[in-house]
């Protein structure tokens, strides 16, 4: 549920930007509560401030629980209030089998979702917040890929797979591999 929760956290943060309540340059303060998040984190310190843009990068690249909670507190006023917003948005999207218990997806009783609900949320964020691709895709500014291997969003092409990646993958598929009893791969 960690990544799923973070997608909803990102979605609500982008909506706050679209609504004009925040900008990507809005400073995000780090609270004691955010500081004490476990799991994947970027070791934010209480009292530090980073821009929303920087926090979104930390969430997308490092799956940072501390950054997700700091953003949630900024958008919702507190993490519990933000979680209410997450659940309200999930219900509005028709995510009938999803219940969020926190903004970062750490294990919690009743924190759950389904593949269908994840698909609904993923479709929604991609359709309404395409800027998320800026943080989650490989971007190339040259014509390094064929039309079939990229998506044109009016700016840099978003590369799905480069020819080099395809060749490497084909080589990996056809290359014989040996495994030991310890499941260590040797090529």
N, C-alpha and C. Protein backbone atom coordinates (compact mmCIF):
# COMPACT_ATOMS: atom_id res chain seq x y z
N UNK A 1 0.81 -1.21 0.00
CA UNK A 1 0.00 0.00 0.00
C UNK A 1 0.85 1.27 0.00
N UNK A 2 2.15 1.14 0.22
CA UNK A 2 2.97 2.35 0.33
C UNK A 2 2.92 3.18 -0.94
N UNK A 3 3.21 2.58 -2.08
CA UNK A 3 3.22 3.35 -3.32
C UNK A 3 1.82 3.84 -3.68
N UNK A 4 0.82 3.03 -3.41
CA UNK A 4 -0.56 3.41 -3.71
C UNK A 4 -0.95 4.64 -2.89
N UNK A 5 -0.60 4.64 -1.63
CA UNK A 5 -0.89 5.79 -0.76
C UNK A 5 -0.17 7.03 -1.25
N UNK A 6 1.06 6.85 -1.67
CA UNK A 6 1.84 8.00 -2.14
C UNK A 6 1.27 8.56 -3.44
N UNK A 7 0.70 7.71 -4.29
CA UNK A 7 0.07 8.21 -5.51
C UNK A 7 -1.10 9.12 -5.14
N UNK A 8 -1.92 8.72 -4.17
CA UNK A 8 -3.03 9.58 -3.75
C UNK A 8 -2.51 10.85 -3.09
N UNK A 9 -1.44 10.75 -2.32
CA UNK A 9 -0.83 11.93 -1.71
C UNK A 9 -0.37 12.89 -2.80
N UNK A 10 0.29 12.37 -3.83
CA UNK A 10 0.72 13.21 -4.95
C UNK A 10 -0.48 13.83 -5.66
N UNK A 11 -1.51 13.03 -5.87
CA UNK A 11 -2.70 13.52 -6.56
C UNK A 11 -3.31 14.71 -5.82
N UNK A 12 -3.46 14.59 -4.52
CA UNK A 12 -4.05 15.69 -3.74
C UNK A 12 -3.12 16.91 -3.70
N UNK A 13 -1.82 16.68 -3.69
CA UNK A 13 -0.87 17.81 -3.73
C UNK A 13 -0.97 18.54 -5.07
N UNK A 14 -1.01 17.79 -6.17
CA UNK A 14 -1.16 18.43 -7.48
C UNK A 14 -2.49 19.15 -7.59
N UNK A 15 -3.56 18.59 -7.04
CA UNK A 15 -4.85 19.28 -7.06
C UNK A 15 -4.77 20.61 -6.31
N UNK A 16 -4.03 20.63 -5.20
CA UNK A 16 -3.86 21.88 -4.44
C UNK A 16 -3.13 22.92 -5.29
N UNK A 17 -2.18 22.47 -6.10
CA UNK A 17 -1.48 23.38 -7.00
C UNK A 17 -2.45 23.87 -8.09
N UNK A 18 -3.20 22.95 -8.66
CA UNK A 18 -4.15 23.33 -9.72
C UNK A 18 -5.20 24.31 -9.20
N UNK A 19 -5.62 24.13 -7.95
CA UNK A 19 -6.63 25.01 -7.34
C UNK A 19 -6.06 26.36 -6.92
N UNK A 20 -4.74 26.51 -6.96
CA UNK A 20 -4.11 27.77 -6.58
C UNK A 20 -3.83 27.90 -5.09
N UNK A 21 -4.07 26.84 -4.33
CA UNK A 21 -3.78 26.89 -2.89
C UNK A 21 -2.28 26.80 -2.61
N UNK A 22 -1.55 26.15 -3.52
CA UNK A 22 -0.10 25.99 -3.38
C UNK A 22 0.55 26.24 -4.73
N UNK A 23 1.87 26.44 -4.70
CA UNK A 23 2.67 26.45 -5.92
C UNK A 23 3.77 25.42 -5.73
N UNK A 24 4.47 25.12 -6.79
CA UNK A 24 5.58 24.17 -6.67
C UNK A 24 6.73 24.77 -5.86
N UNK A 25 6.70 26.08 -5.66
CA UNK A 25 7.73 26.75 -4.85
C UNK A 25 7.30 26.95 -3.40
N UNK A 26 6.10 26.55 -3.05
CA UNK A 26 5.62 26.68 -1.67
C UNK A 26 6.55 25.91 -0.74
N UNK A 27 7.04 26.55 0.33
CA UNK A 27 7.90 25.82 1.27
C UNK A 27 7.07 24.82 2.08
N UNK A 28 7.62 23.63 2.23
CA UNK A 28 6.96 22.56 3.00
C UNK A 28 7.77 22.38 4.28
N UNK A 29 7.18 22.73 5.43
CA UNK A 29 7.90 22.56 6.69
C UNK A 29 7.88 21.10 7.14
N UNK A 30 8.92 20.69 7.84
CA UNK A 30 9.02 19.33 8.36
C UNK A 30 8.67 19.35 9.84
N UNK A 31 7.65 18.61 10.21
CA UNK A 31 7.22 18.54 11.60
C UNK A 31 7.92 17.40 12.34
N UNK A 32 7.78 17.38 13.65
CA UNK A 32 8.27 16.25 14.45
C UNK A 32 7.61 14.95 13.98
N UNK A 33 6.32 15.03 13.70
CA UNK A 33 5.59 13.83 13.26
C UNK A 33 6.18 13.28 11.96
N UNK A 34 6.42 14.14 10.98
CA UNK A 34 7.00 13.70 9.71
C UNK A 34 8.41 13.13 9.93
N UNK A 35 9.15 13.78 10.81
CA UNK A 35 10.51 13.35 11.12
C UNK A 35 10.54 11.92 11.66
N UNK A 36 9.53 11.53 12.40
CA UNK A 36 9.52 10.22 13.05
C UNK A 36 8.95 9.09 12.19
N UNK A 37 8.71 9.35 10.91
CA UNK A 37 8.21 8.28 10.04
C UNK A 37 9.30 7.23 9.88
N UNK A 38 8.91 6.01 9.85
CA UNK A 38 9.87 4.92 9.62
C UNK A 38 9.91 4.56 8.15
N UNK A 39 10.51 3.43 7.88
CA UNK A 39 10.58 2.94 6.51
C UNK A 39 11.46 3.79 5.63
N UNK A 40 11.13 3.83 4.37
CA UNK A 40 11.90 4.59 3.40
C UNK A 40 11.77 6.08 3.68
N UNK A 41 12.90 6.76 3.77
CA UNK A 41 12.87 8.19 4.07
C UNK A 41 14.12 8.88 3.57
N UNK A 42 14.10 10.19 3.59
CA UNK A 42 15.28 10.96 3.18
C UNK A 42 15.89 11.69 4.39
N UNK A 43 15.50 11.30 5.57
CA UNK A 43 16.07 11.80 6.82
C UNK A 43 15.91 13.30 6.98
N UNK A 44 14.68 13.76 6.77
CA UNK A 44 14.37 15.16 7.01
C UNK A 44 14.47 15.47 8.50
N UNK A 45 14.85 16.67 8.82
CA UNK A 45 14.97 17.12 10.21
C UNK A 45 13.82 18.06 10.55
N UNK A 46 13.32 18.00 11.78
CA UNK A 46 12.25 18.94 12.18
C UNK A 46 12.70 20.38 11.97
N UNK A 47 11.81 21.18 11.41
CA UNK A 47 12.11 22.58 11.17
C UNK A 47 12.68 22.86 9.80
N UNK A 48 13.18 21.83 9.10
CA UNK A 48 13.68 22.05 7.74
C UNK A 48 12.51 22.42 6.83
N UNK A 49 12.85 23.13 5.75
CA UNK A 49 11.84 23.49 4.76
C UNK A 49 12.42 23.22 3.38
N UNK A 50 11.61 22.56 2.58
CA UNK A 50 11.96 22.33 1.18
C UNK A 50 10.76 22.73 0.34
N UNK A 51 10.99 23.04 -0.93
CA UNK A 51 9.87 23.40 -1.79
C UNK A 51 9.01 22.17 -2.05
N UNK A 52 7.77 22.42 -2.42
CA UNK A 52 6.87 21.32 -2.78
C UNK A 52 7.48 20.51 -3.92
N UNK A 53 8.09 21.18 -4.87
CA UNK A 53 8.75 20.49 -5.98
C UNK A 53 9.81 19.51 -5.47
N UNK A 54 10.63 19.94 -4.53
CA UNK A 54 11.67 19.07 -3.98
C UNK A 54 11.07 17.89 -3.21
N UNK A 55 10.00 18.15 -2.47
CA UNK A 55 9.36 17.08 -1.71
C UNK A 55 8.72 16.06 -2.65
N UNK A 56 8.12 16.54 -3.74
CA UNK A 56 7.52 15.61 -4.70
C UNK A 56 8.60 14.74 -5.33
N UNK A 57 9.74 15.33 -5.63
CA UNK A 57 10.87 14.54 -6.15
C UNK A 57 11.26 13.46 -5.14
N UNK A 58 11.32 13.81 -3.87
CA UNK A 58 11.70 12.84 -2.83
C UNK A 58 10.67 11.72 -2.73
N UNK A 59 9.41 12.06 -2.87
CA UNK A 59 8.35 11.04 -2.82
C UNK A 59 8.46 10.11 -4.02
N UNK A 60 8.62 10.68 -5.20
CA UNK A 60 8.66 9.88 -6.43
C UNK A 60 9.93 9.07 -6.58
N UNK A 61 11.07 9.65 -6.27
CA UNK A 61 12.35 8.98 -6.50
C UNK A 61 12.75 8.09 -5.33
N UNK A 62 12.57 8.56 -4.11
CA UNK A 62 13.03 7.82 -2.93
C UNK A 62 11.90 7.15 -2.15
N UNK A 63 10.67 7.34 -2.58
CA UNK A 63 9.50 6.81 -1.86
C UNK A 63 9.56 7.25 -0.40
N UNK A 64 9.90 8.50 -0.19
CA UNK A 64 10.19 9.03 1.13
C UNK A 64 8.93 9.23 1.97
N UNK A 65 8.80 8.43 3.02
CA UNK A 65 7.66 8.54 3.92
C UNK A 65 7.63 9.88 4.64
N UNK A 66 8.80 10.34 5.07
CA UNK A 66 8.85 11.62 5.80
C UNK A 66 8.40 12.77 4.90
N UNK A 67 8.81 12.76 3.63
CA UNK A 67 8.39 13.80 2.70
C UNK A 67 6.89 13.71 2.42
N UNK A 68 6.36 12.48 2.28
CA UNK A 68 4.93 12.30 2.03
C UNK A 68 4.10 12.86 3.18
N UNK A 69 4.53 12.62 4.40
CA UNK A 69 3.78 13.11 5.56
C UNK A 69 3.90 14.63 5.67
N UNK A 70 5.06 15.17 5.38
CA UNK A 70 5.22 16.63 5.42
C UNK A 70 4.31 17.30 4.39
N UNK A 71 4.23 16.73 3.19
CA UNK A 71 3.33 17.27 2.16
C UNK A 71 1.88 17.13 2.60
N UNK A 72 1.54 15.98 3.17
CA UNK A 72 0.17 15.76 3.66
C UNK A 72 -0.21 16.79 4.71
N UNK A 73 0.70 17.09 5.61
CA UNK A 73 0.42 18.08 6.65
C UNK A 73 0.23 19.47 6.05
N UNK A 74 1.00 19.78 5.02
CA UNK A 74 0.84 21.08 4.35
C UNK A 74 -0.52 21.17 3.66
N UNK A 75 -0.88 20.15 2.93
CA UNK A 75 -2.12 20.17 2.15
C UNK A 75 -3.35 20.06 3.06
N UNK A 76 -3.28 19.17 4.05
CA UNK A 76 -4.46 18.89 4.87
C UNK A 76 -4.50 19.55 6.23
N UNK A 77 -3.41 20.15 6.64
CA UNK A 77 -3.35 20.76 7.97
C UNK A 77 -2.78 19.83 9.01
N UNK A 78 -3.08 18.55 8.87
CA UNK A 78 -2.52 17.50 9.72
C UNK A 78 -2.63 16.20 8.93
N UNK A 79 -1.87 15.19 9.33
CA UNK A 79 -1.98 13.92 8.60
C UNK A 79 -3.37 13.30 8.76
N UNK A 80 -3.97 13.27 9.96
CA UNK A 80 -5.32 12.70 10.05
C UNK A 80 -6.35 13.43 9.18
N UNK A 81 -6.28 14.75 9.13
CA UNK A 81 -7.20 15.51 8.27
C UNK A 81 -6.93 15.20 6.80
N UNK A 82 -5.67 15.04 6.44
CA UNK A 82 -5.32 14.70 5.07
C UNK A 82 -5.83 13.32 4.70
N UNK A 83 -5.72 12.36 5.62
CA UNK A 83 -6.21 11.01 5.37
C UNK A 83 -7.72 11.04 5.11
N UNK A 84 -8.44 11.90 5.82
CA UNK A 84 -9.88 12.07 5.53
C UNK A 84 -10.08 12.55 4.10
N UNK A 85 -9.23 13.48 3.66
CA UNK A 85 -9.31 13.96 2.28
C UNK A 85 -8.99 12.84 1.28
N UNK A 86 -8.00 12.02 1.62
CA UNK A 86 -7.64 10.89 0.76
C UNK A 86 -8.84 9.95 0.58
N UNK A 87 -9.48 9.61 1.69
CA UNK A 87 -10.61 8.69 1.65
C UNK A 87 -11.82 9.32 0.94
N UNK A 88 -12.03 10.61 1.13
CA UNK A 88 -13.12 11.29 0.44
C UNK A 88 -12.87 11.31 -1.07
N UNK A 89 -11.62 11.56 -1.46
CA UNK A 89 -11.29 11.58 -2.89
C UNK A 89 -11.41 10.19 -3.48
N UNK A 90 -10.97 9.18 -2.74
CA UNK A 90 -11.11 7.79 -3.22
C UNK A 90 -12.58 7.46 -3.44
N UNK A 91 -13.44 7.83 -2.51
CA UNK A 91 -14.87 7.57 -2.66
C UNK A 91 -15.43 8.31 -3.86
N UNK A 92 -15.02 9.56 -4.07
CA UNK A 92 -15.50 10.34 -5.20
C UNK A 92 -15.07 9.73 -6.53
N UNK A 93 -13.94 9.06 -6.54
CA UNK A 93 -13.44 8.41 -7.76
C UNK A 93 -14.07 7.04 -7.97
N UNK A 94 -14.85 6.58 -7.01
CA UNK A 94 -15.47 5.25 -7.12
C UNK A 94 -14.56 4.13 -6.67
N UNK A 95 -13.56 4.46 -5.88
CA UNK A 95 -12.64 3.44 -5.35
C UNK A 95 -13.29 2.81 -4.12
N UNK A 96 -14.22 1.91 -4.36
CA UNK A 96 -15.08 1.37 -3.32
C UNK A 96 -14.39 0.44 -2.33
N UNK A 97 -13.27 -0.13 -2.71
CA UNK A 97 -12.59 -1.10 -1.84
C UNK A 97 -11.28 -0.55 -1.26
N UNK A 98 -11.15 0.77 -1.23
CA UNK A 98 -9.91 1.38 -0.73
C UNK A 98 -10.18 2.17 0.54
N UNK A 99 -9.32 1.97 1.51
CA UNK A 99 -9.34 2.76 2.74
C UNK A 99 -7.90 3.13 3.07
N UNK A 100 -7.65 4.42 3.19
CA UNK A 100 -6.32 4.90 3.57
C UNK A 100 -6.31 5.15 5.07
N UNK A 101 -5.19 4.85 5.72
CA UNK A 101 -5.02 5.11 7.15
C UNK A 101 -3.89 6.10 7.42
N UNK A 102 -3.03 6.32 6.42
CA UNK A 102 -1.96 7.30 6.55
C UNK A 102 -1.54 7.76 5.16
N UNK A 103 -0.73 8.79 5.10
CA UNK A 103 -0.36 9.41 3.83
C UNK A 103 0.78 8.71 3.11
N UNK A 104 1.52 7.87 3.82
CA UNK A 104 2.71 7.28 3.21
C UNK A 104 2.60 5.78 2.98
N UNK A 105 1.56 5.14 3.49
CA UNK A 105 1.37 3.72 3.22
C UNK A 105 2.02 2.77 4.18
N UNK A 106 2.51 3.27 5.31
CA UNK A 106 3.05 2.35 6.31
C UNK A 106 1.93 1.42 6.77
N UNK A 107 2.28 0.20 7.14
CA UNK A 107 1.29 -0.79 7.57
C UNK A 107 0.40 -0.24 8.67
N UNK A 108 -0.89 -0.43 8.48
CA UNK A 108 -1.87 -0.03 9.49
C UNK A 108 -3.11 -0.90 9.28
N UNK A 109 -3.75 -1.25 10.36
CA UNK A 109 -4.98 -2.04 10.29
C UNK A 109 -6.01 -1.34 9.41
N UNK A 110 -6.57 -2.07 8.44
CA UNK A 110 -7.60 -1.52 7.58
C UNK A 110 -7.11 -0.69 6.42
N UNK A 111 -5.81 -0.57 6.26
CA UNK A 111 -5.21 0.19 5.15
C UNK A 111 -5.18 -0.76 3.95
N UNK A 112 -6.11 -0.59 2.99
CA UNK A 112 -6.21 -1.57 1.92
C UNK A 112 -6.75 -0.99 0.62
N UNK A 113 -6.55 -1.75 -0.46
CA UNK A 113 -7.04 -1.35 -1.76
C UNK A 113 -7.16 -2.59 -2.64
N UNK A 114 -7.64 -2.40 -3.87
CA UNK A 114 -7.74 -3.48 -4.85
C UNK A 114 -7.06 -3.04 -6.14
N UNK A 115 -6.79 -4.00 -7.01
CA UNK A 115 -6.18 -3.68 -8.30
C UNK A 115 -7.08 -2.74 -9.11
N UNK A 116 -8.38 -2.97 -9.07
CA UNK A 116 -9.31 -2.11 -9.79
C UNK A 116 -9.20 -0.67 -9.30
N UNK A 117 -9.20 -0.50 -7.99
CA UNK A 117 -9.12 0.84 -7.42
C UNK A 117 -7.80 1.52 -7.75
N UNK A 118 -6.72 0.75 -7.74
CA UNK A 118 -5.41 1.30 -8.12
C UNK A 118 -5.45 1.77 -9.58
N UNK A 119 -6.09 1.00 -10.44
CA UNK A 119 -6.20 1.38 -11.86
C UNK A 119 -6.99 2.68 -12.00
N UNK A 120 -8.08 2.81 -11.25
CA UNK A 120 -8.89 4.04 -11.28
C UNK A 120 -8.05 5.24 -10.86
N UNK A 121 -7.33 5.09 -9.76
CA UNK A 121 -6.51 6.19 -9.25
C UNK A 121 -5.38 6.53 -10.22
N UNK A 122 -4.74 5.51 -10.78
CA UNK A 122 -3.64 5.74 -11.71
C UNK A 122 -4.12 6.46 -12.96
N UNK A 123 -5.25 6.02 -13.50
CA UNK A 123 -5.82 6.68 -14.68
C UNK A 123 -6.13 8.14 -14.35
N UNK A 124 -6.69 8.37 -13.17
CA UNK A 124 -7.07 9.73 -12.79
C UNK A 124 -5.86 10.64 -12.67
N UNK A 125 -4.81 10.21 -12.00
CA UNK A 125 -3.65 11.09 -11.83
C UNK A 125 -2.98 11.35 -13.18
N UNK A 126 -2.92 10.35 -14.05
CA UNK A 126 -2.30 10.57 -15.36
C UNK A 126 -3.14 11.51 -16.23
N UNK A 127 -4.45 11.43 -16.12
CA UNK A 127 -5.32 12.28 -16.94
C UNK A 127 -5.45 13.70 -16.39
N UNK A 128 -5.42 13.86 -15.08
CA UNK A 128 -5.66 15.18 -14.49
C UNK A 128 -4.39 15.87 -14.02
N UNK A 129 -3.33 15.13 -13.83
CA UNK A 129 -2.06 15.68 -13.34
C UNK A 129 -0.90 15.14 -14.18
N UNK A 130 -0.89 15.42 -15.48
CA UNK A 130 0.17 14.84 -16.33
C UNK A 130 1.57 15.28 -15.92
N UNK A 131 1.66 16.34 -15.14
CA UNK A 131 2.99 16.78 -14.69
C UNK A 131 3.67 15.73 -13.81
N UNK A 132 2.92 14.78 -13.29
CA UNK A 132 3.53 13.70 -12.51
C UNK A 132 4.57 12.95 -13.34
N UNK A 133 4.37 12.92 -14.66
CA UNK A 133 5.33 12.25 -15.54
C UNK A 133 6.70 12.93 -15.51
N UNK A 134 6.71 14.22 -15.21
CA UNK A 134 7.98 14.96 -15.09
C UNK A 134 8.85 14.34 -13.99
N UNK A 135 8.22 13.80 -12.98
CA UNK A 135 8.93 13.24 -11.84
C UNK A 135 9.15 11.73 -11.94
N UNK A 136 8.41 11.07 -12.82
CA UNK A 136 8.43 9.61 -12.81
C UNK A 136 8.89 8.95 -14.10
N UNK A 137 9.19 9.71 -15.16
CA UNK A 137 9.60 9.14 -16.44
C UNK A 137 11.01 9.57 -16.81
N UNK A 138 11.61 8.78 -17.68
CA UNK A 138 12.88 9.17 -18.28
C UNK A 138 12.57 10.14 -19.40
N UNK A 139 13.22 11.29 -19.39
CA UNK A 139 12.99 12.29 -20.44
C UNK A 139 14.27 12.47 -21.25
N UNK A 140 14.10 12.51 -22.55
CA UNK A 140 15.21 12.78 -23.45
C UNK A 140 14.80 13.96 -24.31
N UNK A 141 15.71 14.91 -24.50
CA UNK A 141 15.37 16.08 -25.30
C UNK A 141 15.76 15.91 -26.76
N UNK A 142 16.41 14.81 -27.11
CA UNK A 142 16.77 14.57 -28.51
C UNK A 142 15.74 13.62 -29.12
N UNK A 143 15.87 13.39 -30.41
CA UNK A 143 15.01 12.43 -31.09
C UNK A 143 15.65 11.05 -31.00
N UNK A 144 15.91 10.59 -29.78
CA UNK A 144 16.63 9.35 -29.56
C UNK A 144 15.77 8.11 -29.76
N UNK A 145 14.47 8.28 -29.89
CA UNK A 145 13.61 7.11 -30.00
C UNK A 145 12.69 7.22 -31.20
N UNK A 146 12.26 6.09 -31.68
CA UNK A 146 11.26 6.03 -32.74
C UNK A 146 9.92 6.45 -32.19
N UNK A 147 9.01 6.81 -33.08
CA UNK A 147 7.64 7.18 -32.67
C UNK A 147 7.02 6.11 -31.78
N UNK A 148 7.20 4.83 -32.15
CA UNK A 148 6.54 3.75 -31.41
C UNK A 148 7.10 3.57 -30.00
N UNK A 149 8.28 4.09 -29.75
CA UNK A 149 8.92 3.92 -28.45
C UNK A 149 8.80 5.13 -27.55
N UNK A 150 8.01 6.13 -27.95
CA UNK A 150 7.93 7.33 -27.14
C UNK A 150 6.55 7.94 -27.20
N UNK A 151 6.34 8.88 -26.30
CA UNK A 151 5.08 9.60 -26.21
C UNK A 151 5.41 11.08 -26.35
N UNK A 152 4.68 11.77 -27.19
CA UNK A 152 4.90 13.19 -27.40
C UNK A 152 3.83 13.97 -26.65
N UNK A 153 4.24 14.71 -25.62
CA UNK A 153 3.31 15.54 -24.85
C UNK A 153 3.52 17.02 -25.15
N UNK A 154 4.10 17.32 -26.31
CA UNK A 154 4.29 18.70 -26.71
C UNK A 154 5.60 19.30 -26.22
N UNK A 155 6.39 18.55 -25.50
CA UNK A 155 7.69 19.00 -25.03
C UNK A 155 8.71 17.92 -25.33
N UNK A 156 9.59 17.66 -24.38
CA UNK A 156 10.53 16.55 -24.59
C UNK A 156 9.75 15.25 -24.75
N UNK A 157 10.27 14.36 -25.58
CA UNK A 157 9.62 13.07 -25.78
C UNK A 157 9.84 12.20 -24.55
N UNK A 158 8.80 11.51 -24.13
CA UNK A 158 8.91 10.58 -23.02
C UNK A 158 9.21 9.22 -23.62
N UNK A 159 10.37 8.70 -23.30
CA UNK A 159 10.84 7.46 -23.89
C UNK A 159 10.30 6.27 -23.11
N UNK A 160 9.62 5.38 -23.81
CA UNK A 160 9.16 4.15 -23.17
C UNK A 160 10.31 3.16 -23.08
N UNK A 161 11.00 2.94 -24.18
CA UNK A 161 12.18 2.09 -24.19
C UNK A 161 13.09 2.56 -25.31
N UNK A 162 14.38 2.63 -25.03
CA UNK A 162 15.32 2.99 -26.08
C UNK A 162 15.73 1.74 -26.83
N UNK A 163 16.29 1.92 -28.01
CA UNK A 163 16.76 0.77 -28.79
C UNK A 163 17.81 -0.01 -28.01
N UNK A 164 18.66 0.71 -27.30
CA UNK A 164 19.71 0.06 -26.52
C UNK A 164 19.09 -0.82 -25.43
N UNK A 165 18.04 -0.32 -24.76
CA UNK A 165 17.37 -1.11 -23.74
C UNK A 165 16.72 -2.35 -24.35
N UNK A 166 16.12 -2.20 -25.53
CA UNK A 166 15.50 -3.34 -26.20
C UNK A 166 16.54 -4.40 -26.55
N UNK A 167 17.69 -3.96 -27.08
CA UNK A 167 18.75 -4.91 -27.43
C UNK A 167 19.26 -5.62 -26.19
N UNK A 168 19.47 -4.87 -25.09
CA UNK A 168 19.96 -5.45 -23.86
C UNK A 168 18.95 -6.48 -23.32
N UNK A 169 17.67 -6.13 -23.38
CA UNK A 169 16.63 -7.05 -22.91
C UNK A 169 16.59 -8.30 -23.77
N UNK A 170 16.71 -8.14 -25.09
CA UNK A 170 16.72 -9.31 -25.98
C UNK A 170 17.92 -10.18 -25.69
N UNK A 171 19.07 -9.56 -25.44
CA UNK A 171 20.29 -10.30 -25.11
C UNK A 171 20.09 -11.07 -23.80
N UNK A 172 19.46 -10.44 -22.81
CA UNK A 172 19.21 -11.10 -21.53
C UNK A 172 18.28 -12.29 -21.69
N UNK A 173 17.31 -12.15 -22.58
CA UNK A 173 16.35 -13.24 -22.78
C UNK A 173 17.02 -14.45 -23.42
N UNK A 174 17.92 -14.20 -24.39
CA UNK A 174 18.53 -15.30 -25.13
C UNK A 174 19.82 -15.80 -24.50
N UNK A 175 20.36 -15.09 -23.54
CA UNK A 175 21.62 -15.47 -22.91
C UNK A 175 21.39 -16.56 -21.88
N UNK A 176 22.12 -17.66 -21.96
CA UNK A 176 21.92 -18.71 -20.95
C UNK A 176 22.41 -18.25 -19.57
N UNK A 177 21.71 -18.66 -18.57
CA UNK A 177 22.07 -18.33 -17.20
C UNK A 177 22.21 -19.60 -16.39
N UNK A 178 23.05 -19.54 -15.36
CA UNK A 178 23.21 -20.67 -14.47
C UNK A 178 22.84 -20.21 -13.06
N UNK A 179 22.21 -21.08 -12.31
CA UNK A 179 21.82 -20.77 -10.95
C UNK A 179 22.40 -21.83 -10.02
N UNK A 180 22.83 -21.42 -8.85
CA UNK A 180 23.31 -22.36 -7.85
C UNK A 180 22.18 -22.67 -6.90
N UNK A 181 22.40 -23.58 -6.00
CA UNK A 181 21.38 -23.92 -5.02
C UNK A 181 21.05 -22.73 -4.12
N UNK A 182 21.97 -21.79 -3.98
CA UNK A 182 21.74 -20.61 -3.15
C UNK A 182 21.00 -19.52 -3.91
N UNK A 183 20.50 -19.85 -5.09
CA UNK A 183 19.76 -18.93 -5.96
C UNK A 183 20.57 -17.70 -6.37
N UNK A 184 21.88 -17.84 -6.41
CA UNK A 184 22.74 -16.77 -6.89
C UNK A 184 22.86 -16.91 -8.40
N UNK A 185 22.68 -15.85 -9.11
CA UNK A 185 22.74 -15.89 -10.57
C UNK A 185 24.18 -15.63 -11.02
N UNK A 186 24.65 -16.46 -11.96
CA UNK A 186 25.98 -16.29 -12.55
C UNK A 186 25.81 -16.20 -14.05
N UNK A 187 26.33 -15.17 -14.67
CA UNK A 187 26.26 -15.02 -16.13
C UNK A 187 27.64 -15.09 -16.71
